[in-house]
Amino acid sequence: MKQHYEPVAMIDQDEDLKRALYLIECGLFSQFESGGYDILTSLKNPHDPWMTVADFRS
C-alpha cells in the first residue's frame, strides 16, 4: 500500500474524516495553542510512514 498511498484522495472520499480534519484546522481543539497545521501537513503527506489516514475507519 505504501507505493500507492494517497491520503488527500482518501480524505476527499470520506466525509467524516474530512469533517474531523476541518475541526483540527479551524482550531477547535487548540484554541489557546497553535500547531494544528503541523498535524494536518503530516496527515496529508503521502510519505507518512504510519499511513495514519488509512487507519481512520478502523
PDB file of N, CA and C in Angstrom:
ATOM      1  N   MET A   1       0.815  -1.198   0.000  1.00  0.00           N
ATOM      2  CA  MET A   1       0.000   0.000   0.000  1.00  0.00           C
ATOM      3  C   MET A   1       0.858   1.260   0.000  1.00  0.00           C
ATOM      4  N   LYS A   2       2.079   1.192   0.543  1.00  0.00           N
ATOM      5  CA  LYS A   2       2.923   2.386   0.630  1.00  0.00           C
ATOM      6  C   LYS A   2       3.180   3.022  -0.730  1.00  0.00           C
ATOM      7  N   GLN A   3       3.317   2.212  -1.756  1.00  0.00           N
ATOM      8  CA  GLN A   3       3.623   2.751  -3.082  1.00  0.00           C
ATOM      9  C   GLN A   3       2.456   3.552  -3.662  1.00  0.00           C
ATOM     10  N   HIS A   4       1.244   3.251  -3.205  1.00  0.00           N
ATOM     11  CA  HIS A   4       0.059   3.905  -3.770  1.00  0.00           C
ATOM     12  C   HIS A   4      -0.721   4.678  -2.713  1.00  0.00           C
ATOM     13  N   TYR A   5      -0.076   5.065  -1.645  1.00  0.00           N
ATOM     14  CA  TYR A   5      -0.739   5.760  -0.548  1.00  0.00           C
ATOM     15  C   TYR A   5      -1.006   7.209  -0.927  1.00  0.00           C
ATOM     16  N   GLU A   6      -2.277   7.590  -0.994  1.00  0.00           N
ATOM     17  CA  GLU A   6      -2.683   8.946  -1.348  1.00  0.00           C
ATOM     18  C   GLU A   6      -3.662   9.465  -0.293  1.00  0.00           C
ATOM     19  N   PRO A   7      -3.145  10.008   0.809  1.00  0.00           N
ATOM     20  CA  PRO A   7      -4.030  10.430   1.895  1.00  0.00           C
ATOM     21  C   PRO A   7      -5.012  11.530   1.518  1.00  0.00           C
ATOM     22  N   VAL A   8      -4.635  12.435   0.653  1.00  0.00           N
ATOM     23  CA  VAL A   8      -5.550  13.521   0.267  1.00  0.00           C
ATOM     24  C   VAL A   8      -6.756  12.943  -0.478  1.00  0.00           C
ATOM     25  N   ALA A   9      -6.536  11.966  -1.325  1.00  0.00           N
ATOM     26  CA  ALA A   9      -7.649  11.317  -2.036  1.00  0.00           C
ATOM     27  C   ALA A   9      -8.550  10.584  -1.050  1.00  0.00           C
ATOM     28  N   MET A  10      -7.955   9.939  -0.055  1.00  0.00           N
ATOM     29  CA  MET A  10      -8.743   9.239   0.965  1.00  0.00           C
ATOM     30  C   MET A  10      -9.583  10.224   1.774  1.00  0.00           C
ATOM     31  N   ILE A  11      -8.992  11.358   2.098  1.00  0.00           N
ATOM     32  CA  ILE A  11      -9.709  12.389   2.842  1.00  0.00           C
ATOM     33  C   ILE A  11     -10.892  12.901   2.015  1.00  0.00           C
ATOM     34  N   ASP A  12     -10.675  13.142   0.741  1.00  0.00           N
ATOM     35  CA  ASP A  12     -11.728  13.649  -0.132  1.00  0.00           C
ATOM     36  C   ASP A  12     -12.905  12.678  -0.258  1.00  0.00           C
ATOM     37  N   GLN A  13     -12.652  11.399  -0.083  1.00  0.00           N
ATOM     38  CA  GLN A  13     -13.696  10.383  -0.245  1.00  0.00           C
ATOM     39  C   GLN A  13     -14.426  10.059   1.058  1.00  0.00           C
ATOM     40  N   ASP A  14     -14.004  10.603   2.163  1.00  0.00           N
ATOM     41  CA  ASP A  14     -14.588  10.247   3.461  1.00  0.00           C
ATOM     42  C   ASP A  14     -15.083  11.505   4.175  1.00  0.00           C
ATOM     43  N   GLU A  15     -16.378  11.705   4.189  1.00  0.00           N
ATOM     44  CA  GLU A  15     -16.957  12.925   4.768  1.00  0.00           C
ATOM     45  C   GLU A  15     -16.652  13.052   6.260  1.00  0.00           C
ATOM     46  N   ASP A  16     -16.671  11.944   6.998  1.00  0.00           N
ATOM     47  CA  ASP A  16     -16.381  12.006   8.435  1.00  0.00           C
ATOM     48  C   ASP A  16     -14.938  12.433   8.686  1.00  0.00           C
ATOM     49  N   LEU A  17     -14.033  11.857   7.937  1.00  0.00           N
ATOM     50  CA  LEU A  17     -12.619  12.210   8.068  1.00  0.00           C
ATOM     51  C   LEU A  17     -12.402  13.667   7.680  1.00  0.00           C
ATOM     52  N   LYS A  18     -13.043  14.085   6.612  1.00  0.00           N
ATOM     53  CA  LYS A  18     -12.925  15.468   6.158  1.00  0.00           C
ATOM     54  C   LYS A  18     -13.388  16.436   7.250  1.00  0.00           C
ATOM     55  N   ARG A  19     -14.506  16.094   7.904  1.00  0.00           N
ATOM     56  CA  ARG A  19     -15.025  16.939   8.984  1.00  0.00           C
ATOM     57  C   ARG A  19     -14.090  16.951  10.189  1.00  0.00           C
ATOM     58  N   ALA A  20     -13.541  15.790  10.537  1.00  0.00           N
ATOM     59  CA  ALA A  20     -12.610  15.713  11.669  1.00  0.00           C
ATOM     60  C   ALA A  20     -11.383  16.584  11.420  1.00  0.00           C
ATOM     61  N   LEU A  21     -10.843  16.528  10.226  1.00  0.00           N
ATOM     62  CA  LEU A  21      -9.670  17.337   9.906  1.00  0.00           C
ATOM     63  C   LEU A  21     -10.026  18.826   9.859  1.00  0.00           C
ATOM     64  N   TYR A  22     -11.241  19.135   9.442  1.00  0.00           N
ATOM     65  CA  TYR A  22     -11.676  20.530   9.450  1.00  0.00           C
ATOM     66  C   TYR A  22     -11.700  21.071  10.883  1.00  0.00           C
ATOM     67  N   LEU A  23     -12.156  20.257  11.827  1.00  0.00           N
ATOM     68  CA  LEU A  23     -12.203  20.694  13.220  1.00  0.00           C
ATOM     69  C   LEU A  23     -10.803  20.975  13.768  1.00  0.00           C
ATOM     70  N   ILE A  24      -9.831  20.195  13.326  1.00  0.00           N
ATOM     71  CA  ILE A  24      -8.440  20.481  13.708  1.00  0.00           C
ATOM     72  C   ILE A  24      -7.991  21.778  13.062  1.00  0.00           C
ATOM     73  N   GLU A  25      -8.291  21.923  11.772  1.00  0.00           N
ATOM     74  CA  GLU A  25      -7.861  23.109  11.019  1.00  0.00           C
ATOM     75  C   GLU A  25      -8.464  24.399  11.579  1.00  0.00           C
ATOM     76  N   CYS A  26      -9.716  24.349  11.989  1.00  0.00           N
ATOM     77  CA  CYS A  26     -10.360  25.575  12.475  1.00  0.00           C
ATOM     78  C   CYS A  26      -9.953  25.916  13.908  1.00  0.00           C
ATOM     79  N   GLY A  27      -9.194  25.044  14.558  1.00  0.00           N
ATOM     80  CA  GLY A  27      -8.665  25.348  15.882  1.00  0.00           C
ATOM     81  C   GLY A  27      -9.551  24.949  17.047  1.00  0.00           C
ATOM     82  N   LEU A  28     -10.558  24.133  16.800  1.00  0.00           N
ATOM     83  CA  LEU A  28     -11.475  23.736  17.856  1.00  0.00           C
ATOM     84  C   LEU A  28     -10.744  23.082  19.035  1.00  0.00           C
ATOM     85  N   PHE A  29      -9.733  22.286  18.755  1.00  0.00           N
ATOM     86  CA  PHE A  29      -9.044  21.547  19.805  1.00  0.00           C
ATOM     87  C   PHE A  29      -7.814  22.275  20.346  1.00  0.00           C
ATOM     88  N   SER A  30      -7.501  23.386  19.756  1.00  0.00           N
ATOM     89  CA  SER A  30      -6.300  24.113  20.196  1.00  0.00           C
ATOM     90  C   SER A  30      -6.571  25.613  20.204  1.00  0.00           C
ATOM     91  N   GLN A  31      -7.580  26.022  20.917  1.00  0.00           N
ATOM     92  CA  GLN A  31      -7.975  27.420  20.929  1.00  0.00           C
ATOM     93  C   GLN A  31      -6.893  28.332  21.496  1.00  0.00           C
ATOM     94  N   PHE A  32      -6.071  27.812  22.392  1.00  0.00           N
ATOM     95  CA  PHE A  32      -5.059  28.637  23.042  1.00  0.00           C
ATOM     96  C   PHE A  32      -3.643  28.293  22.596  1.00  0.00           C
ATOM     97  N   GLU A  33      -3.534  27.404  21.628  1.00  0.00           N
ATOM     98  CA  GLU A  33      -2.227  26.992  21.106  1.00  0.00           C
ATOM     99  C   GLU A  33      -2.308  26.921  19.597  1.00  0.00           C
ATOM    100  N   SER A  34      -1.177  27.118  18.967  1.00  0.00           N
ATOM    101  CA  SER A  34      -1.117  26.903  17.523  1.00  0.00           C
ATOM    102  C   SER A  34      -0.455  25.556  17.291  1.00  0.00           C
ATOM    103  N   GLY A  35      -0.465  25.078  16.085  1.00  0.00           N
ATOM    104  CA  GLY A  35       0.218  23.829  15.784  1.00  0.00           C
ATOM    105  C   GLY A  35      -0.644  22.807  15.076  1.00  0.00           C
ATOM    106  N   GLY A  36      -1.929  23.068  14.966  1.00  0.00           N
ATOM    107  CA  GLY A  36      -2.804  22.142  14.267  1.00  0.00           C
ATOM    108  C   GLY A  36      -2.407  21.929  12.824  1.00  0.00           C
ATOM    109  N   TYR A  37      -1.817  22.941  12.239  1.00  0.00           N
ATOM    110  CA  TYR A  37      -1.416  22.823  10.841  1.00  0.00           C
ATOM    111  C   TYR A  37      -0.268  21.847  10.665  1.00  0.00           C
ATOM    112  N   ASP A  38       0.590  21.705  11.667  1.00  0.00           N
ATOM    113  CA  ASP A  38       1.665  20.715  11.596  1.00  0.00           C
ATOM    114  C   ASP A  38       1.076  19.315  11.512  1.00  0.00           C
ATOM    115  N   ILE A  39       0.045  19.075  12.288  1.00  0.00           N
ATOM    116  CA  ILE A  39      -0.618  17.773  12.273  1.00  0.00           C
ATOM    117  C   ILE A  39      -1.247  17.528  10.907  1.00  0.00           C
ATOM    118  N   LEU A  40      -1.938  18.515  10.387  1.00  0.00           N
ATOM    119  CA  LEU A  40      -2.602  18.365   9.091  1.00  0.00           C
ATOM    120  C   LEU A  40      -1.598  18.102   7.983  1.00  0.00           C
ATOM    121  N   THR A  41      -0.502  18.815   8.006  1.00  0.00           N
ATOM    122  CA  THR A  41       0.547  18.616   6.996  1.00  0.00           C
ATOM    123  C   THR A  41       1.071  17.191   7.065  1.00  0.00           C
ATOM    124  N   SER A  42       1.288  16.716   8.268  1.00  0.00           N
ATOM    125  CA  SER A  42       1.793  15.357   8.460  1.00  0.00           C
ATOM    126  C   SER A  42       0.784  14.319   7.972  1.00  0.00           C
ATOM    127  N   LEU A  43      -0.481  14.516   8.310  1.00  0.00           N
ATOM    128  CA  LEU A  43      -1.507  13.555   7.901  1.00  0.00           C
ATOM    129  C   LEU A  43      -1.692  13.506   6.392  1.00  0.00           C
ATOM    130  N   LYS A  44      -1.539  14.642   5.733  1.00  0.00           N
ATOM    131  CA  LYS A  44      -1.748  14.708   4.283  1.00  0.00           C
ATOM    132  C   LYS A  44      -0.513  14.329   3.476  1.00  0.00           C
ATOM    133  N   ASN A  45       0.589  14.105   4.152  1.00  0.00           N
ATOM    134  CA  ASN A  45       1.842  13.771   3.486  1.00  0.00           C
ATOM    135  C   ASN A  45       1.798  12.326   2.973  1.00  0.00           C
ATOM    136  N   PRO A  46       2.002  12.112   1.676  1.00  0.00           N
ATOM    137  CA  PRO A  46       1.979  10.745   1.143  1.00  0.00           C
ATOM    138  C   PRO A  46       3.153   9.893   1.633  1.00  0.00           C
ATOM    139  N   HIS A  47       4.105  10.512   2.317  1.00  0.00           N
ATOM    140  CA  HIS A  47       5.254   9.772   2.841  1.00  0.00           C
ATOM    141  C   HIS A  47       5.126   9.513   4.341  1.00  0.00           C
ATOM    142  N   ASP A  48       3.927   9.678   4.886  1.00  0.00           N
ATOM    143  CA  ASP A  48       3.667   9.384   6.293  1.00  0.00           C
ATOM    144  C   ASP A  48       3.979   7.906   6.531  1.00  0.00           C
ATOM    145  N   PRO A  49       4.999   7.602   7.328  1.00  0.00           N
ATOM    146  CA  PRO A  49       5.411   6.201   7.493  1.00  0.00           C
ATOM    147  C   PRO A  49       4.354   5.343   8.194  1.00  0.00           C
ATOM    148  N   TRP A  50       3.422   5.963   8.914  1.00  0.00           N
ATOM    149  CA  TRP A  50       2.389   5.209   9.623  1.00  0.00           C
ATOM    150  C   TRP A  50       1.094   5.124   8.838  1.00  0.00           C
ATOM    151  N   MET A  51       0.998   5.830   7.715  1.00  0.00           N
ATOM    152  CA  MET A  51      -0.207   5.850   6.880  1.00  0.00           C
ATOM    153  C   MET A  51      -1.446   6.042   7.752  1.00  0.00           C
ATOM    154  N   THR A  52      -1.423   7.062   8.556  1.00  0.00           N
ATOM    155  CA  THR A  52      -2.439   7.327   9.571  1.00  0.00           C
ATOM    156  C   THR A  52      -3.839   7.470   8.974  1.00  0.00           C
ATOM    157  N   VAL A  53      -3.956   8.180   7.892  1.00  0.00           N
ATOM    158  CA  VAL A  53      -5.271   8.413   7.289  1.00  0.00           C
ATOM    159  C   VAL A  53      -5.924   7.097   6.875  1.00  0.00           C
ATOM    160  N   ALA A  54      -5.145   6.152   6.431  1.00  0.00           N
ATOM    161  CA  ALA A  54      -5.681   4.853   6.006  1.00  0.00           C
ATOM    162  C   ALA A  54      -6.326   4.100   7.172  1.00  0.00           C
ATOM    163  N   ASP A  55      -5.929   4.405   8.382  1.00  0.00           N
ATOM    164  CA  ASP A  55      -6.461   3.728   9.566  1.00  0.00           C
ATOM    165  C   ASP A  55      -7.658   4.437  10.181  1.00  0.00           C
ATOM    166  N   PHE A  56      -8.112   5.522   9.613  1.00  0.00           N
ATOM    167  CA  PHE A  56      -9.177   6.307  10.225  1.00  0.00           C
ATOM    168  C   PHE A  56     -10.417   5.469  10.523  1.00  0.00           C
ATOM    169  N   ARG A  57     -10.895   4.728   9.575  1.00  0.00           N
ATOM    170  CA  ARG A  57     -12.129   3.953   9.750  1.00  0.00           C
ATOM    171  C   ARG A  57     -11.972   2.861  10.803  1.00  0.00           C
ATOM    172  N   SER A  58     -10.814   2.269  10.890  1.00  0.00           N
ATOM    173  CA  SER A  58     -10.640   1.185  11.871  1.00  0.00           C
ATOM    174  C   SER A  58     -10.417   1.774  13.251  1.00  0.00           C
TER     175      SER A  58
END
